[in-house]
Amino acid sequence: MATILDVNLLQSFDFVFVILLVWTAAFAILHKTAILGGDKAKAVNATVAAGIALLFLLSRTAIDIVNFMVPWFAVAIIFLFLMILIFMMFGADAKSIKGVISGEAGESLRWVIIGVGLLIIIAAFGNVLGQKFLVEGAPSVSGANVTVAGGDFEQNVQATLFHPKIIGLLVLFGVLIFAVALLTV
């Protein structure tokens, strides 16, 4: 059934959006860092950015990874803006928020943002390439009547994360982290 909000046709052109996003990001990075020259090198920056964007066109895997990451980064950015709005709603002004971000607390915030970004990137690679690498010859790991080398990637991830050996390792890491934290106090 056709509706006004039916955007299935746009999924056929997903590579165009990825190319535009990659070109824009590459151009912005090249222009901001001035690696290829200052303001006089806009044409060179645009050409190099176009080359980088067209390289993405050659790999469907790269396009799928970017298509997976973009909505998650958008959600993370919206969450960050909403958190700032909540702080402003409770009386914080823009100057104090900027002071917190540029201060010592900002360093922790930067590490949290980097961690979330790395988590999104790892999830994108796992989602796009996980089953492919599993099928290409990964050995079957079984235990507790659960195999982690089946045909369904989501089931494999769940079986891996809740495998008794993995849970034991996480408990051991937790004990080690708390031991180091309490010993250094």
N, C-alpha and C. Protein backbone atom coordinates (compact mmCIF):
# COMPACT_ATOMS: atom_id res chain seq x y z
N MET A 1 0.83 -1.17 0.00
CA MET A 1 0.00 0.00 0.00
C MET A 1 0.89 1.24 0.00
N ALA A 2 0.64 2.15 -0.89
CA ALA A 2 1.43 3.36 -1.00
C ALA A 2 0.93 4.40 -0.01
N THR A 3 1.85 5.01 0.69
CA THR A 3 1.51 6.09 1.62
C THR A 3 2.39 7.29 1.32
N ILE A 4 2.06 8.38 1.95
CA ILE A 4 2.84 9.60 1.76
C ILE A 4 4.23 9.43 2.36
N LEU A 5 4.34 8.68 3.45
CA LEU A 5 5.61 8.52 4.15
C LEU A 5 6.40 7.31 3.68
N ASP A 6 6.02 6.71 2.57
CA ASP A 6 6.72 5.54 2.06
C ASP A 6 8.03 5.97 1.42
N VAL A 7 9.15 5.59 2.06
CA VAL A 7 10.46 6.00 1.57
C VAL A 7 11.29 4.80 1.08
N ASN A 8 10.63 3.71 0.75
CA ASN A 8 11.35 2.53 0.27
C ASN A 8 12.10 2.80 -1.02
N LEU A 9 11.60 3.71 -1.84
CA LEU A 9 12.28 4.03 -3.08
C LEU A 9 13.63 4.69 -2.81
N LEU A 10 13.73 5.44 -1.72
CA LEU A 10 14.99 6.11 -1.39
C LEU A 10 16.09 5.11 -1.03
N GLN A 11 15.71 3.92 -0.57
CA GLN A 11 16.71 2.92 -0.22
C GLN A 11 17.47 2.44 -1.44
N SER A 12 16.90 2.60 -2.62
CA SER A 12 17.62 2.24 -3.85
C SER A 12 18.74 3.23 -4.14
N PHE A 13 18.65 4.42 -3.57
CA PHE A 13 19.65 5.45 -3.81
C PHE A 13 20.51 5.71 -2.58
N ASP A 14 20.64 4.72 -1.70
CA ASP A 14 21.39 4.93 -0.47
C ASP A 14 22.85 5.26 -0.72
N PHE A 15 23.40 4.77 -1.82
CA PHE A 15 24.80 5.06 -2.12
C PHE A 15 25.02 6.54 -2.42
N VAL A 16 24.02 7.22 -2.97
CA VAL A 16 24.16 8.64 -3.27
C VAL A 16 24.30 9.44 -1.97
N PHE A 17 23.49 9.11 -0.98
CA PHE A 17 23.55 9.81 0.30
C PHE A 17 24.89 9.56 0.98
N VAL A 18 25.38 8.34 0.88
CA VAL A 18 26.69 8.02 1.49
C VAL A 18 27.79 8.80 0.79
N ILE A 19 27.76 8.87 -0.52
CA ILE A 19 28.79 9.61 -1.26
C ILE A 19 28.76 11.09 -0.88
N LEU A 20 27.56 11.66 -0.78
CA LEU A 20 27.46 13.07 -0.38
C LEU A 20 27.97 13.29 1.04
N LEU A 21 27.64 12.38 1.95
CA LEU A 21 28.10 12.49 3.33
C LEU A 21 29.62 12.36 3.41
N VAL A 22 30.18 11.38 2.72
CA VAL A 22 31.63 11.17 2.76
C VAL A 22 32.34 12.35 2.11
N TRP A 23 31.82 12.87 1.00
CA TRP A 23 32.45 14.01 0.35
C TRP A 23 32.43 15.22 1.29
N THR A 24 31.29 15.47 1.92
CA THR A 24 31.18 16.62 2.81
C THR A 24 32.12 16.49 4.00
N ALA A 25 32.15 15.31 4.61
CA ALA A 25 33.03 15.11 5.76
C ALA A 25 34.50 15.21 5.36
N ALA A 26 34.88 14.60 4.25
CA ALA A 26 36.27 14.66 3.80
C ALA A 26 36.67 16.10 3.45
N PHE A 27 35.79 16.83 2.77
CA PHE A 27 36.09 18.21 2.42
C PHE A 27 36.23 19.07 3.67
N ALA A 28 35.32 18.88 4.64
CA ALA A 28 35.38 19.67 5.87
C ALA A 28 36.67 19.39 6.64
N ILE A 29 37.06 18.13 6.72
CA ILE A 29 38.29 17.77 7.43
C ILE A 29 39.51 18.34 6.71
N LEU A 30 39.55 18.20 5.39
CA LEU A 30 40.69 18.73 4.63
C LEU A 30 40.76 20.25 4.73
N HIS A 31 39.61 20.91 4.68
CA HIS A 31 39.60 22.36 4.74
C HIS A 31 39.97 22.86 6.14
N LYS A 32 39.45 22.19 7.18
CA LYS A 32 39.71 22.63 8.55
C LYS A 32 41.16 22.39 8.95
N THR A 33 41.73 21.25 8.55
CA THR A 33 43.12 20.95 8.92
C THR A 33 44.12 21.64 8.02
N ALA A 34 43.70 22.09 6.84
CA ALA A 34 44.56 22.77 5.87
C ALA A 34 45.79 21.92 5.53
N ILE A 35 45.59 20.63 5.38
CA ILE A 35 46.70 19.73 5.04
C ILE A 35 47.22 20.03 3.63
N LEU A 36 46.31 20.29 2.71
CA LEU A 36 46.71 20.52 1.32
C LEU A 36 46.87 22.00 0.99
N GLY A 37 46.77 22.84 1.97
CA GLY A 37 46.91 24.27 1.75
C GLY A 37 45.81 25.02 2.47
N GLY A 38 45.89 26.31 2.52
CA GLY A 38 44.92 27.13 3.23
C GLY A 38 43.66 27.32 2.41
N ASP A 39 43.14 28.56 2.45
CA ASP A 39 41.90 28.88 1.73
C ASP A 39 42.07 28.82 0.21
N LYS A 40 43.31 28.91 -0.25
CA LYS A 40 43.55 28.89 -1.69
C LYS A 40 43.39 27.49 -2.28
N ALA A 41 43.34 26.47 -1.46
CA ALA A 41 43.32 25.09 -1.95
C ALA A 41 41.93 24.47 -1.89
N LYS A 42 40.87 25.28 -2.00
CA LYS A 42 39.53 24.72 -1.94
C LYS A 42 39.27 23.75 -3.08
N ALA A 43 39.75 24.07 -4.27
CA ALA A 43 39.55 23.18 -5.42
C ALA A 43 40.28 21.86 -5.23
N VAL A 44 41.49 21.94 -4.68
CA VAL A 44 42.26 20.71 -4.42
C VAL A 44 41.57 19.88 -3.35
N ASN A 45 41.10 20.55 -2.29
CA ASN A 45 40.38 19.83 -1.24
C ASN A 45 39.12 19.17 -1.78
N ALA A 46 38.38 19.88 -2.63
CA ALA A 46 37.16 19.32 -3.21
C ALA A 46 37.47 18.14 -4.11
N THR A 47 38.55 18.21 -4.86
CA THR A 47 38.91 17.11 -5.74
C THR A 47 39.34 15.88 -4.95
N VAL A 48 40.14 16.07 -3.93
CA VAL A 48 40.58 14.95 -3.09
C VAL A 48 39.37 14.34 -2.37
N ALA A 49 38.48 15.20 -1.87
CA ALA A 49 37.29 14.70 -1.20
C ALA A 49 36.39 13.92 -2.16
N ALA A 50 36.30 14.38 -3.40
CA ALA A 50 35.52 13.65 -4.40
C ALA A 50 36.15 12.29 -4.69
N GLY A 51 37.47 12.24 -4.73
CA GLY A 51 38.15 10.95 -4.93
C GLY A 51 37.88 9.99 -3.79
N ILE A 52 37.93 10.49 -2.56
CA ILE A 52 37.65 9.65 -1.39
C ILE A 52 36.21 9.17 -1.44
N ALA A 53 35.28 10.05 -1.78
CA ALA A 53 33.87 9.67 -1.84
C ALA A 53 33.63 8.64 -2.94
N LEU A 54 34.29 8.78 -4.07
CA LEU A 54 34.11 7.82 -5.16
C LEU A 54 34.73 6.47 -4.83
N LEU A 55 35.75 6.45 -3.97
CA LEU A 55 36.29 5.17 -3.52
C LEU A 55 35.25 4.39 -2.71
N PHE A 56 34.41 5.12 -1.98
CA PHE A 56 33.33 4.45 -1.24
C PHE A 56 32.33 3.81 -2.20
N LEU A 57 32.19 4.39 -3.38
CA LEU A 57 31.26 3.85 -4.37
C LEU A 57 31.68 2.46 -4.84
N LEU A 58 32.97 2.16 -4.75
CA LEU A 58 33.48 0.87 -5.22
C LEU A 58 33.22 -0.27 -4.24
N SER A 59 32.87 0.05 -3.01
CA SER A 59 32.71 -0.98 -1.99
C SER A 59 31.31 -0.93 -1.38
N ARG A 60 30.53 -1.96 -1.64
CA ARG A 60 29.19 -2.04 -1.04
C ARG A 60 29.30 -2.20 0.48
N THR A 61 30.36 -2.86 0.93
CA THR A 61 30.56 -3.04 2.37
C THR A 61 30.74 -1.69 3.05
N ALA A 62 31.54 -0.81 2.46
CA ALA A 62 31.75 0.52 3.05
C ALA A 62 30.45 1.32 3.08
N ILE A 63 29.66 1.20 2.04
CA ILE A 63 28.37 1.90 2.00
C ILE A 63 27.45 1.37 3.10
N ASP A 64 27.42 0.05 3.28
CA ASP A 64 26.57 -0.54 4.32
C ASP A 64 27.03 -0.13 5.71
N ILE A 65 28.35 -0.04 5.92
CA ILE A 65 28.86 0.37 7.22
C ILE A 65 28.45 1.81 7.52
N VAL A 66 28.59 2.69 6.55
CA VAL A 66 28.20 4.09 6.76
C VAL A 66 26.69 4.18 6.98
N ASN A 67 25.90 3.41 6.21
CA ASN A 67 24.45 3.41 6.39
C ASN A 67 24.04 2.93 7.77
N PHE A 68 24.81 2.04 8.37
CA PHE A 68 24.51 1.57 9.72
C PHE A 68 24.91 2.61 10.77
N MET A 69 26.04 3.28 10.55
CA MET A 69 26.57 4.20 11.56
C MET A 69 25.82 5.52 11.64
N VAL A 70 25.38 6.05 10.51
CA VAL A 70 24.81 7.40 10.49
C VAL A 70 23.60 7.54 11.42
N PRO A 71 22.62 6.64 11.39
CA PRO A 71 21.50 6.83 12.32
C PRO A 71 21.91 6.75 13.79
N TRP A 72 22.88 5.91 14.12
CA TRP A 72 23.30 5.80 15.51
C TRP A 72 24.05 7.05 15.96
N PHE A 73 24.89 7.61 15.09
CA PHE A 73 25.56 8.86 15.44
C PHE A 73 24.54 9.99 15.56
N ALA A 74 23.51 9.98 14.70
CA ALA A 74 22.47 11.01 14.80
C ALA A 74 21.74 10.91 16.13
N VAL A 75 21.43 9.69 16.56
CA VAL A 75 20.76 9.51 17.86
C VAL A 75 21.67 9.98 18.99
N ALA A 76 22.97 9.68 18.91
CA ALA A 76 23.91 10.10 19.95
C ALA A 76 24.01 11.63 20.01
N ILE A 77 24.04 12.29 18.86
CA ILE A 77 24.12 13.75 18.83
C ILE A 77 22.84 14.37 19.38
N ILE A 78 21.70 13.82 18.99
CA ILE A 78 20.43 14.33 19.51
C ILE A 78 20.36 14.14 21.02
N PHE A 79 20.82 12.99 21.51
CA PHE A 79 20.86 12.75 22.96
C PHE A 79 21.73 13.79 23.66
N LEU A 80 22.88 14.10 23.08
CA LEU A 80 23.78 15.09 23.67
C LEU A 80 23.12 16.47 23.72
N PHE A 81 22.47 16.87 22.62
CA PHE A 81 21.77 18.16 22.61
C PHE A 81 20.63 18.19 23.62
N LEU A 82 19.90 17.09 23.74
CA LEU A 82 18.81 17.05 24.71
C LEU A 82 19.34 17.12 26.14
N MET A 83 20.48 16.51 26.40
CA MET A 83 21.08 16.61 27.74
C MET A 83 21.47 18.06 28.05
N ILE A 84 22.04 18.75 27.05
CA ILE A 84 22.39 20.16 27.25
C ILE A 84 21.13 20.99 27.49
N LEU A 85 20.06 20.69 26.75
CA LEU A 85 18.80 21.42 26.96
C LEU A 85 18.22 21.16 28.34
N ILE A 86 18.36 19.94 28.84
CA ILE A 86 17.87 19.64 30.19
C ILE A 86 18.65 20.44 31.22
N PHE A 87 19.98 20.51 31.05
CA PHE A 87 20.78 21.32 31.98
C PHE A 87 20.38 22.79 31.91
N MET A 88 20.11 23.29 30.71
CA MET A 88 19.71 24.68 30.56
C MET A 88 18.32 24.92 31.15
N MET A 89 17.47 23.91 31.07
CA MET A 89 16.13 24.03 31.64
C MET A 89 16.20 24.17 33.16
N PHE A 90 17.21 23.55 33.78
CA PHE A 90 17.35 23.62 35.22
C PHE A 90 18.26 24.76 35.67
N GLY A 91 18.55 25.71 34.78
CA GLY A 91 19.22 26.92 35.21
C GLY A 91 20.64 27.14 34.72
N ALA A 92 21.23 26.17 34.07
CA ALA A 92 22.59 26.38 33.57
C ALA A 92 22.54 27.26 32.33
N ASP A 93 23.48 28.21 32.24
CA ASP A 93 23.52 29.05 31.04
C ASP A 93 24.61 28.52 30.10
N ALA A 94 24.65 29.06 28.90
CA ALA A 94 25.59 28.58 27.88
C ALA A 94 27.03 28.76 28.33
N LYS A 95 27.31 29.84 29.06
CA LYS A 95 28.68 30.10 29.51
C LYS A 95 29.15 29.04 30.50
N SER A 96 28.28 28.64 31.43
CA SER A 96 28.68 27.63 32.41
C SER A 96 28.82 26.25 31.75
N ILE A 97 27.97 25.95 30.79
CA ILE A 97 28.10 24.67 30.08
C ILE A 97 29.41 24.63 29.29
N LYS A 98 29.74 25.75 28.64
CA LYS A 98 31.01 25.82 27.92
C LYS A 98 32.19 25.69 28.87
N GLY A 99 32.09 26.28 30.05
CA GLY A 99 33.15 26.17 31.05
C GLY A 99 33.34 24.74 31.54
N VAL A 100 32.24 24.02 31.72
CA VAL A 100 32.33 22.62 32.14
C VAL A 100 32.96 21.78 31.05
N ILE A 101 32.56 22.01 29.81
CA ILE A 101 33.08 21.21 28.70
C ILE A 101 34.56 21.48 28.48
N SER A 102 34.99 22.74 28.65
CA SER A 102 36.40 23.05 28.44
C SER A 102 37.24 22.76 29.68
N GLY A 103 36.61 22.48 30.80
CA GLY A 103 37.34 22.21 32.03
C GLY A 103 37.72 20.74 32.17
N GLU A 104 37.97 20.36 33.41
CA GLU A 104 38.40 18.99 33.70
C GLU A 104 37.30 17.98 33.45
N ALA A 105 36.05 18.35 33.68
CA ALA A 105 34.93 17.45 33.41
C ALA A 105 34.76 17.22 31.91
N GLY A 106 35.19 18.19 31.13
CA GLY A 106 35.13 18.04 29.68
C GLY A 106 36.01 16.92 29.16
N GLU A 107 37.11 16.68 29.86
CA GLU A 107 38.01 15.58 29.46
C GLU A 107 37.29 14.24 29.60
N SER A 108 36.56 14.06 30.68
CA SER A 108 35.78 12.83 30.85
C SER A 108 34.70 12.73 29.79
N LEU A 109 34.06 13.86 29.50
CA LEU A 109 33.02 13.87 28.47
C LEU A 109 33.60 13.50 27.11
N ARG A 110 34.78 14.00 26.80
CA ARG A 110 35.43 13.65 25.53
C ARG A 110 35.69 12.15 25.44
N TRP A 111 36.14 11.55 26.54
CA TRP A 111 36.40 10.11 26.53
C TRP A 111 35.11 9.31 26.40
N VAL A 112 34.04 9.79 27.00
CA VAL A 112 32.74 9.11 26.84
C VAL A 112 32.29 9.19 25.39
N ILE A 113 32.44 10.36 24.77
CA ILE A 113 32.04 10.52 23.37
C ILE A 113 32.89 9.63 22.48
N ILE A 114 34.19 9.57 22.73
CA ILE A 114 35.07 8.69 21.94
C ILE A 114 34.66 7.23 22.14
N GLY A 115 34.35 6.85 23.38
CA GLY A 115 33.93 5.48 23.65
C GLY A 115 32.64 5.12 22.93
N VAL A 116 31.66 6.02 22.96
CA VAL A 116 30.40 5.76 22.26
C VAL A 116 30.64 5.67 20.76
N GLY A 117 31.48 6.56 20.23
CA GLY A 117 31.80 6.51 18.81
C GLY A 117 32.47 5.20 18.42
N LEU A 118 33.43 4.75 19.22
CA LEU A 118 34.09 3.47 18.93
C LEU A 118 33.12 2.31 19.04
N LEU A 119 32.21 2.37 19.99
CA LEU A 119 31.20 1.32 20.14
C LEU A 119 30.30 1.26 18.91
N ILE A 120 29.90 2.41 18.40
CA ILE A 120 29.07 2.45 17.19
C ILE A 120 29.84 1.90 16.00
N ILE A 121 31.11 2.26 15.87
CA ILE A 121 31.92 1.77 14.75
C ILE A 121 32.10 0.26 14.83
N ILE A 122 32.38 -0.25 16.03
CA ILE A 122 32.55 -1.70 16.19
C ILE A 122 31.24 -2.42 15.90
N ALA A 123 30.12 -1.86 16.36
CA ALA A 123 28.82 -2.47 16.08
C ALA A 123 28.52 -2.46 14.58
N ALA A 124 28.91 -1.40 13.88
CA ALA A 124 28.68 -1.34 12.44
C ALA A 124 29.49 -2.41 11.71
N PHE A 125 30.76 -2.54 12.07
CA PHE A 125 31.58 -3.58 11.44
C PHE A 125 31.04 -4.97 11.78
N GLY A 126 30.62 -5.17 13.02
CA GLY A 126 30.07 -6.46 13.40
C GLY A 126 28.79 -6.78 12.68
N ASN A 127 27.92 -5.77 12.52
CA ASN A 127 26.65 -5.99 11.85
C ASN A 127 26.84 -6.28 10.36
N VAL A 128 27.74 -5.56 9.73
CA VAL A 128 27.91 -5.71 8.28
C VAL A 128 28.80 -6.91 7.95
N LEU A 129 29.87 -7.11 8.70
CA LEU A 129 30.84 -8.15 8.34
C LEU A 129 30.79 -9.39 9.23
N GLY A 130 30.00 -9.38 10.29
CA GLY A 130 30.01 -10.46 11.25
C GLY A 130 29.69 -11.82 10.67
N GLN A 131 28.55 -11.94 10.02
CA GLN A 131 28.14 -13.24 9.47
C GLN A 131 29.07 -13.66 8.34
N LYS A 132 29.57 -12.72 7.55
CA LYS A 132 30.48 -13.05 6.45
C LYS A 132 31.75 -13.70 6.99
N PHE A 133 32.33 -13.12 8.04
CA PHE A 133 33.54 -13.70 8.61
C PHE A 133 33.25 -15.02 9.30
N LEU A 134 32.06 -15.15 9.86
CA LEU A 134 31.70 -16.39 10.53
C LEU A 134 31.57 -17.53 9.53
N VAL A 135 30.98 -17.25 8.39
CA VAL A 135 30.76 -18.28 7.37
C VAL A 135 32.05 -18.67 6.68
N GLU A 136 33.01 -17.74 6.59
CA GLU A 136 34.23 -17.98 5.83
C GLU A 136 35.20 -18.93 6.51
N GLY A 137 34.81 -19.56 7.58
CA GLY A 137 35.69 -20.59 8.12
C GLY A 137 36.08 -20.41 9.56
N ALA A 138 35.32 -19.65 10.30
CA ALA A 138 35.62 -19.56 11.72
C ALA A 138 35.32 -20.90 12.38
N PRO A 139 36.17 -21.33 13.27
CA PRO A 139 35.92 -22.62 13.92
C PRO A 139 34.68 -22.56 14.79
N SER A 140 34.01 -23.67 14.91
CA SER A 140 32.82 -23.74 15.74
C SER A 140 33.23 -23.86 17.20
N VAL A 141 32.75 -22.96 18.01
CA VAL A 141 33.03 -22.97 19.44
C VAL A 141 31.74 -23.40 20.12
N SER A 142 31.79 -24.48 20.84
CA SER A 142 30.57 -24.94 21.49
C SER A 142 30.85 -25.21 22.94
N GLY A 143 29.83 -25.13 23.69
CA GLY A 143 29.91 -25.40 25.12
C GLY A 143 28.56 -25.13 25.73
N ALA A 144 28.22 -25.83 26.75
CA ALA A 144 26.93 -25.70 27.41
C ALA A 144 25.78 -25.89 26.43
N ASN A 145 25.97 -26.83 25.50
CA ASN A 145 24.96 -27.18 24.50
C ASN A 145 24.57 -26.01 23.61
N VAL A 146 25.48 -25.05 23.41
CA VAL A 146 25.21 -23.89 22.57
C VAL A 146 26.36 -23.75 21.59
N THR A 147 26.03 -23.61 20.32
CA THR A 147 27.07 -23.38 19.32
C THR A 147 27.03 -21.92 18.90
N VAL A 148 28.18 -21.34 18.61
CA VAL A 148 28.24 -19.94 18.21
C VAL A 148 28.68 -19.79 16.76
N ALA A 149 28.50 -20.84 15.98
CA ALA A 149 28.86 -20.78 14.57
C ALA A 149 27.68 -21.27 13.73
N GLY A 150 26.52 -20.71 13.99
CA GLY A 150 25.34 -21.08 13.24
C GLY A 150 25.11 -20.18 12.05
N GLY A 151 23.92 -20.24 11.51
CA GLY A 151 23.61 -19.46 10.32
C GLY A 151 23.06 -18.08 10.60
N ASP A 152 22.59 -17.82 11.82
CA ASP A 152 22.00 -16.53 12.16
C ASP A 152 22.98 -15.71 12.99
N PHE A 153 23.37 -14.54 12.49
CA PHE A 153 24.39 -13.74 13.16
C PHE A 153 23.93 -13.26 14.53
N GLU A 154 22.69 -12.79 14.65
CA GLU A 154 22.21 -12.29 15.93
C GLU A 154 22.21 -13.40 16.97
N GLN A 155 21.81 -14.61 16.58
CA GLN A 155 21.82 -15.73 17.50
C GLN A 155 23.25 -16.08 17.89
N ASN A 156 24.18 -15.96 16.94
CA ASN A 156 25.59 -16.24 17.24
C ASN A 156 26.15 -15.24 18.24
N VAL A 157 25.82 -13.96 18.07
CA VAL A 157 26.30 -12.94 19.00
C VAL A 157 25.73 -13.18 20.38
N GLN A 158 24.44 -13.46 20.45
CA GLN A 158 23.82 -13.72 21.75
C GLN A 158 24.43 -14.96 22.40
N ALA A 159 24.66 -16.02 21.61
CA ALA A 159 25.26 -17.23 22.17
C ALA A 159 26.69 -16.96 22.64
N THR A 160 27.41 -16.10 21.94
CA THR A 160 28.77 -15.78 22.34
C THR A 160 28.79 -14.95 23.62
N LEU A 161 27.95 -13.93 23.69
CA LEU A 161 27.94 -13.04 24.85
C LEU A 161 27.49 -13.76 26.12
N PHE A 162 26.60 -14.72 25.99
CA PHE A 162 26.10 -15.43 27.17
C PHE A 162 26.72 -16.82 27.31
N HIS A 163 27.84 -17.04 26.64
CA HIS A 163 28.58 -18.29 26.79
C HIS A 163 29.21 -18.30 28.17
N PRO A 164 29.22 -19.44 28.86
CA PRO A 164 29.77 -19.47 30.23
C PRO A 164 31.22 -19.00 30.32
N LYS A 165 32.03 -19.26 29.32
CA LYS A 165 33.43 -18.81 29.36
C LYS A 165 33.52 -17.29 29.29
N ILE A 166 32.68 -16.67 28.46
CA ILE A 166 32.69 -15.21 28.32
C ILE A 166 32.18 -14.56 29.60
N ILE A 167 31.11 -15.10 30.17
CA ILE A 167 30.58 -14.54 31.41
C ILE A 167 31.61 -14.67 32.53
N GLY A 168 32.30 -15.80 32.59
CA GLY A 168 33.36 -15.97 33.59
C GLY A 168 34.48 -14.97 33.40
N LEU A 169 34.86 -14.72 32.15
CA LEU A 169 35.90 -13.74 31.86
C LEU A 169 35.47 -12.34 32.27
N LEU A 170 34.20 -11.99 32.01
CA LEU A 170 33.70 -10.67 32.41
C LEU A 170 33.68 -10.51 33.92
N VAL A 171 33.30 -11.56 34.64
CA VAL A 171 33.32 -11.51 36.10
C VAL A 171 34.76 -11.33 36.59
N LEU A 172 35.69 -12.06 35.99
CA LEU A 172 37.10 -11.93 36.36
C LEU A 172 37.61 -10.52 36.10
N PHE A 173 37.26 -9.94 34.94
CA PHE A 173 37.66 -8.56 34.64
C PHE A 173 37.05 -7.60 35.67
N GLY A 174 35.79 -7.80 36.04
CA GLY A 174 35.16 -6.94 37.03
C GLY A 174 35.88 -6.99 38.36
N VAL A 175 36.25 -8.19 38.79
CA VAL A 175 36.99 -8.33 40.06
C VAL A 175 38.34 -7.62 39.95
N LEU A 176 39.03 -7.79 38.81
CA LEU A 176 40.33 -7.14 38.64
C LEU A 176 40.21 -5.62 38.62
N ILE A 177 39.18 -5.10 37.97
CA ILE A 177 39.01 -3.65 37.91
C ILE A 177 38.77 -3.09 39.30
N PHE A 178 37.89 -3.73 40.06
CA PHE A 178 37.63 -3.25 41.41
C PHE A 178 38.85 -3.42 42.31
N ALA A 179 39.61 -4.47 42.11
CA ALA A 179 40.81 -4.67 42.93
C ALA A 179 41.82 -3.57 42.66
N VAL A 180 42.06 -3.26 41.39
CA VAL A 180 43.01 -2.20 41.05
C VAL A 180 42.50 -0.85 41.54
N ALA A 181 41.20 -0.61 41.38
CA ALA A 181 40.64 0.68 41.83
C ALA A 181 40.76 0.85 43.34
N LEU A 182 40.50 -0.22 44.08
CA LEU A 182 40.57 -0.11 45.53
C LEU A 182 42.01 -0.12 46.06
N LEU A 183 42.93 -0.74 45.33
CA LEU A 183 44.32 -0.73 45.74
C LEU A 183 45.00 0.60 45.50
N THR A 184 44.52 1.36 44.52
CA THR A 184 45.16 2.64 44.19
C THR A 184 44.58 3.80 44.99
N VAL A 185 43.58 3.55 45.82
CA VAL A 185 42.96 4.64 46.59
C VAL A 185 43.82 5.02 47.76
